[in-house]
N, C-alpha and C. Protein backbone atom coordinates (compact mmCIF):
# COMPACT_ATOMS: atom_id res chain seq x y z
N MET A 1 -2.03 -39.84 -53.26
CA MET A 1 -2.73 -41.06 -53.65
C MET A 1 -2.86 -41.96 -52.42
N SER A 2 -4.07 -42.36 -52.13
CA SER A 2 -4.25 -43.21 -50.96
C SER A 2 -3.98 -44.66 -51.30
N ARG A 3 -3.55 -45.37 -50.30
CA ARG A 3 -3.27 -46.79 -50.48
C ARG A 3 -4.55 -47.59 -50.38
N PRO A 4 -4.62 -48.69 -51.13
CA PRO A 4 -5.81 -49.55 -50.99
C PRO A 4 -5.78 -50.23 -49.62
N PRO A 5 -6.94 -50.64 -49.15
CA PRO A 5 -6.97 -51.33 -47.86
C PRO A 5 -6.25 -52.66 -47.96
N PRO A 6 -5.76 -53.16 -46.86
CA PRO A 6 -5.10 -54.47 -46.90
C PRO A 6 -6.09 -55.56 -47.28
N ALA A 7 -5.59 -56.55 -48.00
CA ALA A 7 -6.41 -57.72 -48.36
C ALA A 7 -5.85 -58.92 -47.62
N ILE A 8 -6.71 -59.64 -46.97
CA ILE A 8 -6.35 -60.86 -46.27
C ILE A 8 -7.03 -61.99 -47.01
N VAL A 9 -6.25 -62.95 -47.52
CA VAL A 9 -6.80 -64.06 -48.28
C VAL A 9 -6.56 -65.35 -47.50
N LEU A 10 -7.65 -66.03 -47.18
CA LEU A 10 -7.59 -67.32 -46.50
C LEU A 10 -7.97 -68.40 -47.50
N VAL A 11 -7.19 -69.47 -47.54
CA VAL A 11 -7.51 -70.59 -48.42
C VAL A 11 -7.93 -71.77 -47.54
N ASP A 12 -9.11 -72.29 -47.81
CA ASP A 12 -9.64 -73.40 -47.02
C ASP A 12 -9.74 -74.64 -47.89
N TYR A 13 -9.23 -75.74 -47.38
CA TYR A 13 -9.45 -77.05 -48.00
C TYR A 13 -9.76 -78.03 -46.88
N ASN A 14 -11.04 -78.28 -46.69
CA ASN A 14 -11.52 -79.20 -45.66
C ASN A 14 -11.04 -78.82 -44.26
N GLY A 15 -10.95 -77.53 -44.00
CA GLY A 15 -10.53 -77.04 -42.69
C GLY A 15 -11.52 -76.04 -42.13
N LEU A 16 -12.80 -76.39 -42.16
CA LEU A 16 -13.85 -75.46 -41.77
C LEU A 16 -13.64 -74.90 -40.37
N ASP A 17 -13.31 -75.73 -39.40
CA ASP A 17 -13.13 -75.23 -38.04
C ASP A 17 -11.94 -74.28 -37.94
N ASP A 18 -10.86 -74.58 -38.64
CA ASP A 18 -9.70 -73.68 -38.64
C ASP A 18 -10.07 -72.34 -39.26
N THR A 19 -10.81 -72.37 -40.37
CA THR A 19 -11.22 -71.13 -41.03
C THR A 19 -12.15 -70.33 -40.14
N ARG A 20 -13.06 -71.01 -39.47
CA ARG A 20 -13.97 -70.33 -38.53
C ARG A 20 -13.17 -69.63 -37.43
N GLN A 21 -12.20 -70.32 -36.86
CA GLN A 21 -11.37 -69.73 -35.80
C GLN A 21 -10.56 -68.55 -36.32
N CYS A 22 -10.03 -68.67 -37.52
CA CYS A 22 -9.25 -67.58 -38.10
C CYS A 22 -10.13 -66.35 -38.33
N LEU A 23 -11.30 -66.55 -38.90
CA LEU A 23 -12.20 -65.43 -39.12
C LEU A 23 -12.62 -64.79 -37.80
N ALA A 24 -12.86 -65.60 -36.79
CA ALA A 24 -13.21 -65.05 -35.48
C ALA A 24 -12.08 -64.19 -34.93
N SER A 25 -10.84 -64.61 -35.16
CA SER A 25 -9.71 -63.80 -34.68
C SER A 25 -9.57 -62.51 -35.48
N LEU A 26 -9.91 -62.54 -36.76
CA LEU A 26 -9.84 -61.33 -37.58
C LEU A 26 -10.94 -60.33 -37.24
N ALA A 27 -12.04 -60.82 -36.70
CA ALA A 27 -13.15 -59.94 -36.35
C ALA A 27 -12.76 -58.95 -35.27
N GLY A 28 -11.74 -59.25 -34.51
CA GLY A 28 -11.31 -58.36 -33.44
C GLY A 28 -10.34 -57.28 -33.88
N LEU A 29 -9.98 -57.25 -35.14
CA LEU A 29 -9.05 -56.23 -35.63
C LEU A 29 -9.70 -54.86 -35.67
N ALA A 30 -8.94 -53.87 -35.33
CA ALA A 30 -9.44 -52.49 -35.49
C ALA A 30 -9.15 -52.04 -36.91
N GLY A 31 -9.95 -51.17 -37.45
CA GLY A 31 -9.71 -50.64 -38.79
C GLY A 31 -10.47 -51.41 -39.84
N ALA A 32 -10.08 -51.23 -41.08
CA ALA A 32 -10.77 -51.85 -42.21
C ALA A 32 -9.81 -52.73 -42.99
N ALA A 33 -10.34 -53.81 -43.51
CA ALA A 33 -9.58 -54.72 -44.37
C ALA A 33 -10.57 -55.47 -45.24
N CYS A 34 -10.09 -56.00 -46.32
CA CYS A 34 -10.90 -56.85 -47.17
C CYS A 34 -10.46 -58.28 -46.89
N VAL A 35 -11.39 -59.11 -46.46
CA VAL A 35 -11.09 -60.50 -46.15
C VAL A 35 -11.76 -61.38 -47.19
N VAL A 36 -10.98 -62.19 -47.88
CA VAL A 36 -11.48 -63.10 -48.90
C VAL A 36 -11.17 -64.53 -48.45
N VAL A 37 -12.18 -65.37 -48.43
CA VAL A 37 -12.01 -66.79 -48.10
C VAL A 37 -12.22 -67.57 -49.39
N VAL A 38 -11.20 -68.32 -49.79
CA VAL A 38 -11.30 -69.15 -50.99
C VAL A 38 -11.48 -70.59 -50.54
N ASP A 39 -12.62 -71.16 -50.88
CA ASP A 39 -12.88 -72.57 -50.60
C ASP A 39 -12.27 -73.34 -51.77
N ASN A 40 -11.20 -74.05 -51.49
CA ASN A 40 -10.43 -74.74 -52.52
C ASN A 40 -10.99 -76.15 -52.76
N ALA A 41 -12.28 -76.20 -53.15
CA ALA A 41 -12.97 -77.45 -53.47
C ALA A 41 -13.11 -78.38 -52.27
N SER A 42 -13.45 -77.79 -51.12
CA SER A 42 -13.69 -78.60 -49.92
C SER A 42 -14.95 -79.44 -50.08
N ARG A 43 -15.07 -80.46 -49.24
CA ARG A 43 -16.28 -81.29 -49.26
C ARG A 43 -17.49 -80.49 -48.75
N VAL A 44 -17.24 -79.58 -47.80
CA VAL A 44 -18.30 -78.76 -47.22
C VAL A 44 -18.27 -77.39 -47.89
N ASP A 45 -19.43 -76.83 -48.18
CA ASP A 45 -19.51 -75.49 -48.76
C ASP A 45 -19.22 -74.47 -47.66
N VAL A 46 -18.02 -73.93 -47.68
CA VAL A 46 -17.55 -73.02 -46.63
C VAL A 46 -18.39 -71.75 -46.58
N ALA A 47 -18.75 -71.20 -47.73
CA ALA A 47 -19.57 -69.98 -47.75
C ALA A 47 -20.92 -70.22 -47.09
N ALA A 48 -21.55 -71.33 -47.39
CA ALA A 48 -22.85 -71.64 -46.79
C ALA A 48 -22.72 -71.81 -45.29
N ALA A 49 -21.62 -72.36 -44.85
CA ALA A 49 -21.43 -72.61 -43.43
C ALA A 49 -21.04 -71.37 -42.64
N LEU A 50 -20.33 -70.42 -43.26
CA LEU A 50 -19.74 -69.32 -42.50
C LEU A 50 -20.22 -67.92 -42.86
N SER A 51 -20.82 -67.73 -44.02
CA SER A 51 -21.14 -66.37 -44.45
C SER A 51 -22.16 -65.68 -43.55
N GLY A 52 -23.05 -66.43 -42.94
CA GLY A 52 -24.01 -65.82 -42.03
C GLY A 52 -23.36 -65.28 -40.76
N THR A 53 -22.33 -65.96 -40.30
CA THR A 53 -21.61 -65.54 -39.09
C THR A 53 -20.61 -64.44 -39.38
N PHE A 54 -20.03 -64.45 -40.58
CA PHE A 54 -18.99 -63.49 -40.96
C PHE A 54 -19.40 -62.78 -42.25
N PRO A 55 -20.45 -61.94 -42.20
CA PRO A 55 -20.94 -61.31 -43.43
C PRO A 55 -19.99 -60.29 -44.03
N TRP A 56 -18.98 -59.86 -43.30
CA TRP A 56 -18.02 -58.89 -43.78
C TRP A 56 -16.93 -59.54 -44.63
N ALA A 57 -16.92 -60.86 -44.71
CA ALA A 57 -15.92 -61.56 -45.53
C ALA A 57 -16.53 -61.87 -46.90
N THR A 58 -15.67 -61.92 -47.92
CA THR A 58 -16.07 -62.33 -49.26
C THR A 58 -15.70 -63.79 -49.42
N PHE A 59 -16.61 -64.60 -49.92
CA PHE A 59 -16.37 -66.03 -50.07
C PHE A 59 -16.36 -66.40 -51.54
N LEU A 60 -15.34 -67.14 -51.95
CA LEU A 60 -15.21 -67.67 -53.32
C LEU A 60 -15.11 -69.18 -53.22
N ARG A 61 -15.66 -69.88 -54.18
CA ARG A 61 -15.55 -71.34 -54.18
C ARG A 61 -14.93 -71.79 -55.48
N ALA A 62 -13.78 -72.44 -55.37
CA ALA A 62 -13.12 -73.00 -56.54
C ALA A 62 -13.73 -74.37 -56.83
N PRO A 63 -14.06 -74.66 -58.07
CA PRO A 63 -14.69 -75.95 -58.38
C PRO A 63 -13.72 -77.13 -58.27
N ARG A 64 -12.43 -76.83 -58.28
CA ARG A 64 -11.40 -77.85 -58.09
C ARG A 64 -10.23 -77.16 -57.39
N GLN A 65 -9.25 -77.89 -57.00
CA GLN A 65 -8.14 -77.33 -56.22
C GLN A 65 -7.27 -76.43 -57.07
N GLU A 66 -7.73 -75.20 -57.27
CA GLU A 66 -7.05 -74.28 -58.16
C GLU A 66 -5.83 -73.63 -57.52
N PHE A 67 -5.76 -73.54 -56.21
CA PHE A 67 -4.57 -72.97 -55.59
C PHE A 67 -3.42 -73.95 -55.67
N SER A 68 -3.70 -75.24 -55.57
CA SER A 68 -2.61 -76.21 -55.56
C SER A 68 -2.01 -76.45 -56.94
N ASP A 69 -2.75 -76.19 -58.00
CA ASP A 69 -2.19 -76.44 -59.33
C ASP A 69 -1.90 -75.16 -60.11
N GLY A 70 -1.95 -74.01 -59.45
CA GLY A 70 -1.49 -72.78 -60.07
C GLY A 70 -2.50 -72.02 -60.90
N ARG A 71 -3.75 -72.44 -60.96
CA ARG A 71 -4.72 -71.71 -61.77
C ARG A 71 -5.22 -70.44 -61.10
N MET A 72 -5.09 -70.35 -59.80
CA MET A 72 -5.53 -69.15 -59.10
C MET A 72 -4.43 -68.75 -58.12
N SER A 73 -4.23 -67.48 -57.97
CA SER A 73 -3.23 -66.99 -57.03
C SER A 73 -3.91 -66.15 -55.95
N THR A 74 -3.18 -65.89 -54.89
CA THR A 74 -3.74 -65.03 -53.85
C THR A 74 -4.00 -63.64 -54.40
N GLY A 75 -3.20 -63.19 -55.37
CA GLY A 75 -3.44 -61.90 -55.99
C GLY A 75 -4.76 -61.86 -56.73
N GLN A 76 -5.08 -62.92 -57.43
CA GLN A 76 -6.36 -62.99 -58.12
C GLN A 76 -7.50 -62.98 -57.11
N ALA A 77 -7.35 -63.71 -56.03
CA ALA A 77 -8.40 -63.74 -55.01
C ALA A 77 -8.54 -62.37 -54.37
N ALA A 78 -7.42 -61.71 -54.09
CA ALA A 78 -7.46 -60.37 -53.50
C ALA A 78 -8.11 -59.38 -54.44
N GLY A 79 -8.07 -59.65 -55.73
CA GLY A 79 -8.73 -58.80 -56.71
C GLY A 79 -10.24 -58.74 -56.52
N GLU A 80 -10.77 -59.65 -55.73
CA GLU A 80 -12.20 -59.62 -55.43
C GLU A 80 -12.55 -58.47 -54.50
N CYS A 81 -11.55 -57.77 -53.99
CA CYS A 81 -11.76 -56.63 -53.10
C CYS A 81 -12.01 -55.38 -53.94
N ARG A 82 -13.06 -55.39 -54.71
CA ARG A 82 -13.35 -54.26 -55.60
C ARG A 82 -13.94 -53.08 -54.87
N ALA A 83 -14.83 -53.33 -53.96
CA ALA A 83 -15.49 -52.24 -53.24
C ALA A 83 -14.73 -51.94 -51.97
N PRO A 84 -14.85 -50.74 -51.46
CA PRO A 84 -14.21 -50.46 -50.18
C PRO A 84 -14.73 -51.43 -49.13
N PRO A 85 -13.86 -51.95 -48.30
CA PRO A 85 -14.29 -52.93 -47.32
C PRO A 85 -15.11 -52.30 -46.21
N ALA A 86 -15.94 -53.13 -45.65
CA ALA A 86 -16.65 -52.69 -44.43
C ALA A 86 -15.68 -52.80 -43.27
N PRO A 87 -15.78 -51.92 -42.31
CA PRO A 87 -14.90 -52.05 -41.15
C PRO A 87 -15.15 -53.36 -40.45
N LEU A 88 -14.08 -53.98 -40.01
CA LEU A 88 -14.23 -55.21 -39.26
C LEU A 88 -14.82 -54.88 -37.89
N PRO A 89 -15.70 -55.73 -37.39
CA PRO A 89 -16.26 -55.44 -36.08
C PRO A 89 -15.17 -55.43 -35.03
N GLY A 90 -15.27 -54.59 -34.10
CA GLY A 90 -14.20 -54.56 -33.11
C GLY A 90 -14.61 -53.85 -31.92
């Protein structure tokens, strides 16, 4: 039985530049992984700002701060990795 690919879950709350830098650092990884970015109700739409630059990442937007009050977990976000991931550019 093969193991599922690793899932990397980033949670963003008004930290667009930090998330951009983190995704840029992940782009240099060799191999395959599923990267999920959860926008935790930021003022800026993170997916709109970053999905064109990082098309290999999956973007989710929480309508309110669901990570801080327990309605969403990193496991739930990682569950968005349904399809085999595309290899990260490297």
